[in-house]
Amino acid sequence: MRTTSDPKNEKIKLRLNEDMKRHIDKYSAKEGICISEYIRELIRQDMINKK
């Protein structure tokens, strides 16, 4: 079992068009991370930028 110091208990469900899905597939693969981590990183960056 994987353990983390930052558990992720919350889930969201969203719908994307084909272009958006291709984009996240491409860039998450390029970064070598899963789609969930890619989206979390986008949110983290937005949180930093909004401060």
PDB file of N, CA and C in Angstrom:
ATOM      1  N   MET A   1       0.842  -1.183   0.000  1.00  0.00           N
ATOM      2  CA  MET A   1       0.000   0.000   0.000  1.00  0.00           C
ATOM      3  C   MET A   1       0.886   1.245   0.000  1.00  0.00           C
ATOM      4  N   ARG A   2       0.491   2.243  -0.790  1.00  0.00           N
ATOM      5  CA  ARG A   2       1.242   3.490  -0.841  1.00  0.00           C
ATOM      6  C   ARG A   2       0.837   4.382   0.327  1.00  0.00           C
ATOM      7  N   THR A   3       1.811   5.033   0.909  1.00  0.00           N
ATOM      8  CA  THR A   3       1.523   5.980   1.982  1.00  0.00           C
ATOM      9  C   THR A   3       1.999   7.358   1.552  1.00  0.00           C
ATOM     10  N   THR A   4       1.384   8.371   2.117  1.00  0.00           N
ATOM     11  CA  THR A   4       1.745   9.734   1.779  1.00  0.00           C
ATOM     12  C   THR A   4       1.547  10.643   2.972  1.00  0.00           C
ATOM     13  N   SER A   5       2.301  11.721   3.018  1.00  0.00           N
ATOM     14  CA  SER A   5       2.109  12.716   4.071  1.00  0.00           C
ATOM     15  C   SER A   5       1.042  13.728   3.663  1.00  0.00           C
ATOM     16  N   ASP A   6       0.526  13.582   2.450  1.00  0.00           N
ATOM     17  CA  ASP A   6      -0.511  14.474   1.946  1.00  0.00           C
ATOM     18  C   ASP A   6      -1.646  13.642   1.345  1.00  0.00           C
ATOM     19  N   PRO A   7      -2.477  13.032   2.195  1.00  0.00           N
ATOM     20  CA  PRO A   7      -3.545  12.183   1.666  1.00  0.00           C
ATOM     21  C   PRO A   7      -4.540  12.986   0.834  1.00  0.00           C
ATOM     22  N   LYS A   8      -5.054  12.349  -0.197  1.00  0.00           N
ATOM     23  CA  LYS A   8      -6.000  12.994  -1.098  1.00  0.00           C
ATOM     24  C   LYS A   8      -7.330  12.260  -0.992  1.00  0.00           C
ATOM     25  N   ASN A   9      -8.181  12.749  -0.119  1.00  0.00           N
ATOM     26  CA  ASN A   9      -9.456  12.092   0.146  1.00  0.00           C
ATOM     27  C   ASN A   9     -10.597  12.658  -0.682  1.00  0.00           C
ATOM     28  N   GLU A  10     -10.407  13.809  -1.271  1.00  0.00           N
ATOM     29  CA  GLU A  10     -11.463  14.456  -2.042  1.00  0.00           C
ATOM     30  C   GLU A  10     -11.358  14.071  -3.507  1.00  0.00           C
ATOM     31  N   LYS A  11     -12.500  13.895  -4.143  1.00  0.00           N
ATOM     32  CA  LYS A  11     -12.538  13.534  -5.559  1.00  0.00           C
ATOM     33  C   LYS A  11     -13.413  14.517  -6.302  1.00  0.00           C
ATOM     34  N   ILE A  12     -13.068  14.747  -7.551  1.00  0.00           N
ATOM     35  CA  ILE A  12     -13.929  15.517  -8.437  1.00  0.00           C
ATOM     36  C   ILE A  12     -14.107  14.725  -9.724  1.00  0.00           C
ATOM     37  N   LYS A  13     -15.179  14.984 -10.382  1.00  0.00           N
ATOM     38  CA  LYS A  13     -15.449  14.348 -11.665  1.00  0.00           C
ATOM     39  C   LYS A  13     -15.711  15.480 -12.651  1.00  0.00           C
ATOM     40  N   LEU A  14     -15.062  15.416 -13.800  1.00  0.00           N
ATOM     41  CA  LEU A  14     -15.275  16.464 -14.782  1.00  0.00           C
ATOM     42  C   LEU A  14     -15.324  15.891 -16.176  1.00  0.00           C
ATOM     43  N   ARG A  15     -15.907  16.668 -17.052  1.00  0.00           N
ATOM     44  CA  ARG A  15     -16.012  16.266 -18.445  1.00  0.00           C
ATOM     45  C   ARG A  15     -15.132  17.185 -19.266  1.00  0.00           C
ATOM     46  N   LEU A  16     -14.446  16.618 -20.246  1.00  0.00           N
ATOM     47  CA  LEU A  16     -13.546  17.360 -21.113  1.00  0.00           C
ATOM     48  C   LEU A  16     -13.892  17.090 -22.564  1.00  0.00           C
ATOM     49  N   ASN A  17     -13.564  18.051 -23.419  1.00  0.00           N
ATOM     50  CA  ASN A  17     -13.696  17.763 -24.842  1.00  0.00           C
ATOM     51  C   ASN A  17     -12.440  17.020 -25.295  1.00  0.00           C
ATOM     52  N   GLU A  18     -12.422  16.559 -26.526  1.00  0.00           N
ATOM     53  CA  GLU A  18     -11.307  15.742 -27.015  1.00  0.00           C
ATOM     54  C   GLU A  18      -9.983  16.509 -27.005  1.00  0.00           C
ATOM     55  N   ASP A  19     -10.016  17.793 -27.360  1.00  0.00           N
ATOM     56  CA  ASP A  19      -8.781  18.588 -27.375  1.00  0.00           C
ATOM     57  C   ASP A  19      -8.173  18.702 -25.984  1.00  0.00           C
ATOM     58  N   MET A  20      -9.003  18.947 -24.990  1.00  0.00           N
ATOM     59  CA  MET A  20      -8.500  19.047 -23.617  1.00  0.00           C
ATOM     60  C   MET A  20      -7.911  17.720 -23.156  1.00  0.00           C
ATOM     61  N   LYS A  21      -8.597  16.619 -23.469  1.00  0.00           N
ATOM     62  CA  LYS A  21      -8.106  15.297 -23.061  1.00  0.00           C
ATOM     63  C   LYS A  21      -6.774  14.982 -23.726  1.00  0.00           C
ATOM     64  N   ARG A  22      -6.658  15.269 -25.009  1.00  0.00           N
ATOM     65  CA  ARG A  22      -5.377  15.046 -25.700  1.00  0.00           C
ATOM     66  C   ARG A  22      -4.281  15.889 -25.065  1.00  0.00           C
ATOM     67  N   HIS A  23      -4.616  17.113 -24.705  1.00  0.00           N
ATOM     68  CA  HIS A  23      -3.631  18.008 -24.089  1.00  0.00           C
ATOM     69  C   HIS A  23      -3.117  17.430 -22.777  1.00  0.00           C
ATOM     70  N   ILE A  24      -4.012  17.042 -21.888  1.00  0.00           N
ATOM     71  CA  ILE A  24      -3.539  16.519 -20.600  1.00  0.00           C
ATOM     72  C   ILE A  24      -2.835  15.181 -20.769  1.00  0.00           C
ATOM     73  N   ASP A  25      -3.275  14.372 -21.715  1.00  0.00           N
ATOM     74  CA  ASP A  25      -2.568  13.108 -21.988  1.00  0.00           C
ATOM     75  C   ASP A  25      -1.140  13.389 -22.445  1.00  0.00           C
ATOM     76  N   LYS A  26      -0.997  14.316 -23.377  1.00  0.00           N
ATOM     77  CA  LYS A  26       0.312  14.640 -23.949  1.00  0.00           C
ATOM     78  C   LYS A  26       1.265  15.209 -22.899  1.00  0.00           C
ATOM     79  N   TYR A  27       0.803  16.210 -22.166  1.00  0.00           N
ATOM     80  CA  TYR A  27       1.710  16.883 -21.247  1.00  0.00           C
ATOM     81  C   TYR A  27       1.960  16.112 -19.958  1.00  0.00           C
ATOM     82  N   SER A  28       1.019  15.305 -19.520  1.00  0.00           N
ATOM     83  CA  SER A  28       1.307  14.470 -18.346  1.00  0.00           C
ATOM     84  C   SER A  28       2.338  13.410 -18.728  1.00  0.00           C
ATOM     85  N   ALA A  29       2.197  12.831 -19.922  1.00  0.00           N
ATOM     86  CA  ALA A  29       3.184  11.841 -20.388  1.00  0.00           C
ATOM     87  C   ALA A  29       4.554  12.485 -20.565  1.00  0.00           C
ATOM     88  N   LYS A  30       4.578  13.685 -21.108  1.00  0.00           N
ATOM     89  CA  LYS A  30       5.844  14.400 -21.311  1.00  0.00           C
ATOM     90  C   LYS A  30       6.555  14.649 -19.986  1.00  0.00           C
ATOM     91  N   GLU A  31       5.787  14.957 -18.954  1.00  0.00           N
ATOM     92  CA  GLU A  31       6.355  15.199 -17.625  1.00  0.00           C
ATOM     93  C   GLU A  31       6.608  13.900 -16.869  1.00  0.00           C
ATOM     94  N   GLY A  32       6.094  12.791 -17.369  1.00  0.00           N
ATOM     95  CA  GLY A  32       6.284  11.507 -16.703  1.00  0.00           C
ATOM     96  C   GLY A  32       5.461  11.349 -15.445  1.00  0.00           C
ATOM     97  N   ILE A  33       4.285  11.974 -15.420  1.00  0.00           N
ATOM     98  CA  ILE A  33       3.407  11.896 -14.255  1.00  0.00           C
ATOM     99  C   ILE A  33       2.010  11.482 -14.695  1.00  0.00           C
ATOM    100  N   CYS A  34       1.223  11.025 -13.743  1.00  0.00           N
ATOM    101  CA  CYS A  34      -0.149  10.646 -14.063  1.00  0.00           C
ATOM    102  C   CYS A  34      -0.993  11.900 -14.294  1.00  0.00           C
ATOM    103  N   ILE A  35      -2.128  11.709 -14.925  1.00  0.00           N
ATOM    104  CA  ILE A  35      -3.016  12.829 -15.223  1.00  0.00           C
ATOM    105  C   ILE A  35      -3.440  13.536 -13.933  1.00  0.00           C
ATOM    106  N   SER A  36      -3.734  12.779 -12.891  1.00  0.00           N
ATOM    107  CA  SER A  36      -4.153  13.387 -11.624  1.00  0.00           C
ATOM    108  C   SER A  36      -3.080  14.316 -11.079  1.00  0.00           C
ATOM    109  N   GLU A  37      -1.834  13.870 -11.113  1.00  0.00           N
ATOM    110  CA  GLU A  37      -0.743  14.706 -10.606  1.00  0.00           C
ATOM    111  C   GLU A  37      -0.557  15.935 -11.490  1.00  0.00           C
ATOM    112  N   TYR A  38      -0.711  15.773 -12.787  1.00  0.00           N
ATOM    113  CA  TYR A  38      -0.604  16.908 -13.704  1.00  0.00           C
ATOM    114  C   TYR A  38      -1.655  17.967 -13.362  1.00  0.00           C
ATOM    115  N   ILE A  39      -2.879  17.549 -13.143  1.00  0.00           N
ATOM    116  CA  ILE A  39      -3.951  18.486 -12.808  1.00  0.00           C
ATOM    117  C   ILE A  39      -3.723  19.102 -11.434  1.00  0.00           C
ATOM    118  N   ARG A  40      -3.267  18.299 -10.462  1.00  0.00           N
ATOM    119  CA  ARG A  40      -2.956  18.861  -9.139  1.00  0.00           C
ATOM    120  C   ARG A  40      -1.894  19.941  -9.253  1.00  0.00           C
ATOM    121  N   GLU A  41      -0.885  19.718 -10.086  1.00  0.00           N
ATOM    122  CA  GLU A  41       0.178  20.714 -10.264  1.00  0.00           C
ATOM    123  C   GLU A  41      -0.369  21.991 -10.900  1.00  0.00           C
ATOM    124  N   LEU A  42      -1.268  21.869 -11.855  1.00  0.00           N
ATOM    125  CA  LEU A  42      -1.895  23.057 -12.440  1.00  0.00           C
ATOM    126  C   LEU A  42      -2.642  23.852 -11.370  1.00  0.00           C
ATOM    127  N   ILE A  43      -3.349  23.151 -10.502  1.00  0.00           N
ATOM    128  CA  ILE A  43      -4.090  23.816  -9.429  1.00  0.00           C
ATOM    129  C   ILE A  43      -3.115  24.470  -8.446  1.00  0.00           C
ATOM    130  N   ARG A  44      -2.034  23.762  -8.075  1.00  0.00           N
ATOM    131  CA  ARG A  44      -1.037  24.355  -7.166  1.00  0.00           C
ATOM    132  C   ARG A  44      -0.475  25.649  -7.736  1.00  0.00           C
ATOM    133  N   GLN A  45      -0.141  25.634  -9.027  1.00  0.00           N
ATOM    134  CA  GLN A  45       0.409  26.827  -9.664  1.00  0.00           C
ATOM    135  C   GLN A  45      -0.609  27.956  -9.669  1.00  0.00           C
ATOM    136  N   ASP A  46      -1.862  27.650  -9.913  1.00  0.00           N
ATOM    137  CA  ASP A  46      -2.900  28.663  -9.884  1.00  0.00           C
ATOM    138  C   ASP A  46      -3.059  29.245  -8.478  1.00  0.00           C
ATOM    139  N   MET A  47      -2.973  28.390  -7.471  1.00  0.00           N
ATOM    140  CA  MET A  47      -3.081  28.860  -6.084  1.00  0.00           C
ATOM    141  C   MET A  47      -1.943  29.824  -5.763  1.00  0.00           C
ATOM    142  N   ILE A  48      -0.736  29.491  -6.214  1.00  0.00           N
ATOM    143  CA  ILE A  48       0.425  30.369  -5.986  1.00  0.00           C
ATOM    144  C   ILE A  48       0.241  31.690  -6.706  1.00  0.00           C
ATOM    145  N   ASN A  49      -0.209  31.634  -7.948  1.00  0.00           N
ATOM    146  CA  ASN A  49      -0.385  32.844  -8.753  1.00  0.00           C
ATOM    147  C   ASN A  49      -1.478  33.749  -8.220  1.00  0.00           C
ATOM    148  N   LYS A  50      -2.440  33.198  -7.520  1.00  0.00           N
ATOM    149  CA  LYS A  50      -3.555  33.988  -6.996  1.00  0.00           C
ATOM    150  C   LYS A  50      -3.253  34.642  -5.647  1.00  0.00           C
ATOM    151  N   LYS A  51      -2.132  34.298  -5.037  1.00  0.00           N
ATOM    152  CA  LYS A  51      -1.779  34.884  -3.728  1.00  0.00           C
ATOM    153  C   LYS A  51      -1.336  36.318  -3.890  1.00  0.00           C
TER     154      LYS A  51
END
